[in-house]
């Protein structure tokens, strides 16, 4: 019997303006550049302009943008 593994990938979007296409109708989220978000990678608060998000069907993953925080 062959087992299948499903890997899900989502595009990285800026935290200041991103879309969730997993709901109907797709919903846009807009935040101020200085709104604080907790990041999942280093568990620190960062301004939205330094955060990227990935929207999955069951969660929104927030991580530091390249060159701004733990991910360089």
C-alpha atoms as a PDB file:
ATOM      1  CA  UNK A   1       0.000   0.000   0.000  1.00  0.00           C
ATOM      2  CA  UNK A   2       1.354   3.406  -0.943  1.00  0.00           C
ATOM      3  CA  UNK A   3       0.941   6.274   1.487  1.00  0.00           C
ATOM      4  CA  UNK A   4       0.512   9.777   0.156  1.00  0.00           C
ATOM      5  CA  UNK A   5       1.870  12.835   1.849  1.00  0.00           C
ATOM      6  CA  UNK A   6       0.276  16.170   1.057  1.00  0.00           C
ATOM      7  CA  UNK A   7       2.462  19.232   1.415  1.00  0.00           C
ATOM      8  CA  UNK A   8       0.840  22.613   1.458  1.00  0.00           C
ATOM      9  CA  UNK A   9       2.673  25.741   0.421  1.00  0.00           C
ATOM     10  CA  UNK A  10       1.497  29.330   0.535  1.00  0.00           C
ATOM     11  CA  UNK A  11       2.956  32.438  -1.036  1.00  0.00           C
ATOM     12  CA  UNK A  12       4.617  34.944   1.238  1.00  0.00           C
ATOM     13  CA  UNK A  13       2.727  38.244   1.486  1.00  0.00           C
ATOM     14  CA  UNK A  14       3.486  41.489   3.331  1.00  0.00           C
ATOM     15  CA  UNK A  15       1.682  41.773   6.671  1.00  0.00           C
ATOM     16  CA  UNK A  16       0.531  45.303   5.850  1.00  0.00           C
ATOM     17  CA  UNK A  17      -1.808  44.027   3.114  1.00  0.00           C
ATOM     18  CA  UNK A  18      -2.617  40.377   2.382  1.00  0.00           C
ATOM     19  CA  UNK A  19      -5.481  38.253   1.116  1.00  0.00           C
ATOM     20  CA  UNK A  20      -7.051  35.076   2.496  1.00  0.00           C
ATOM     21  CA  UNK A  21      -8.338  33.146  -0.527  1.00  0.00           C
ATOM     22  CA  UNK A  22      -9.438  30.131   1.548  1.00  0.00           C
ATOM     23  CA  UNK A  23     -12.793  31.688   2.373  1.00  0.00           C
ATOM     24  CA  UNK A  24     -15.563  32.788   0.057  1.00  0.00           C
ATOM     25  CA  UNK A  25     -15.418  35.605  -0.868  1.00  0.00           C
ATOM     26  CA  UNK A  26     -11.634  36.172  -0.532  1.00  0.00           C
ATOM     27  CA  UNK A  27     -10.949  38.645   2.258  1.00  0.00           C
ATOM     28  CA  UNK A  28      -8.284  41.351   2.265  1.00  0.00           C
ATOM     29  CA  UNK A  29      -6.561  42.353   5.508  1.00  0.00           C
ATOM     30  CA  UNK A  30      -4.891  45.762   5.830  1.00  0.00           C
ATOM     31  CA  UNK A  31      -2.801  46.899   8.775  1.00  0.00           C
ATOM     32  CA  UNK A  32      -0.796  49.983   9.614  1.00  0.00           C
ATOM     33  CA  UNK A  33       2.957  49.635   8.993  1.00  0.00           C
ATOM     34  CA  UNK A  34       3.564  50.183  12.716  1.00  0.00           C
ATOM     35  CA  UNK A  35       1.075  47.632  14.038  1.00  0.00           C
ATOM     36  CA  UNK A  36       2.838  45.048  16.192  1.00  0.00           C
ATOM     37  CA  UNK A  37       2.652  41.363  15.281  1.00  0.00           C
ATOM     38  CA  UNK A  38       4.023  38.413  17.230  1.00  0.00           C
ATOM     39  CA  UNK A  39       6.181  36.321  14.904  1.00  0.00           C
ATOM     40  CA  UNK A  40       6.121  32.530  14.905  1.00  0.00           C
ATOM     41  CA  UNK A  41       9.820  32.150  14.108  1.00  0.00           C
ATOM     42  CA  UNK A  42      11.498  34.067  16.960  1.00  0.00           C
ATOM     43  CA  UNK A  43       8.442  34.805  19.155  1.00  0.00           C
ATOM     44  CA  UNK A  44       9.132  38.546  19.230  1.00  0.00           C
ATOM     45  CA  UNK A  45       6.972  41.520  18.354  1.00  0.00           C
ATOM     46  CA  UNK A  46       7.795  43.253  15.078  1.00  0.00           C
ATOM     47  CA  UNK A  47       6.237  46.102  13.140  1.00  0.00           C
ATOM     48  CA  UNK A  48       3.978  44.928  10.311  1.00  0.00           C
ATOM     49  CA  UNK A  49       6.292  46.446   7.702  1.00  0.00           C
ATOM     50  CA  UNK A  50       8.996  43.981   8.868  1.00  0.00           C
ATOM     51  CA  UNK A  51       6.723  40.920   8.895  1.00  0.00           C
ATOM     52  CA  UNK A  52       5.691  38.512   6.123  1.00  0.00           C
ATOM     53  CA  UNK A  53       2.696  36.182   6.312  1.00  0.00           C
ATOM     54  CA  UNK A  54       1.700  32.890   4.759  1.00  0.00           C
ATOM     55  CA  UNK A  55      -2.040  32.164   4.752  1.00  0.00           C
ATOM     56  CA  UNK A  56      -2.976  28.486   5.011  1.00  0.00           C
ATOM     57  CA  UNK A  57      -6.463  26.983   5.205  1.00  0.00           C
ATOM     58  CA  UNK A  58      -6.244  26.648   8.995  1.00  0.00           C
ATOM     59  CA  UNK A  59      -3.753  29.308  10.159  1.00  0.00           C
ATOM     60  CA  UNK A  60      -1.833  32.446   9.287  1.00  0.00           C
ATOM     61  CA  UNK A  61       1.911  32.015   9.764  1.00  0.00           C
ATOM     62  CA  UNK A  62       3.823  35.233  10.594  1.00  0.00           C
ATOM     63  CA  UNK A  63       7.611  35.465  10.283  1.00  0.00           C
ATOM     64  CA  UNK A  64      10.325  38.108  10.062  1.00  0.00           C
ATOM     65  CA  UNK A  65      10.965  39.651   6.660  1.00  0.00           C
ATOM     66  CA  UNK A  66      14.386  39.098   5.096  1.00  0.00           C
ATOM     67  CA  UNK A  67      17.003  41.293   6.754  1.00  0.00           C
ATOM     68  CA  UNK A  68      14.637  42.348   9.556  1.00  0.00           C
ATOM     69  CA  UNK A  69      14.872  39.963  12.477  1.00  0.00           C
ATOM     70  CA  UNK A  70      15.777  36.326  12.797  1.00  0.00           C
ATOM     71  CA  UNK A  71      15.468  35.304   9.118  1.00  0.00           C
ATOM     72  CA  UNK A  72      18.203  36.925   7.081  1.00  0.00           C
END
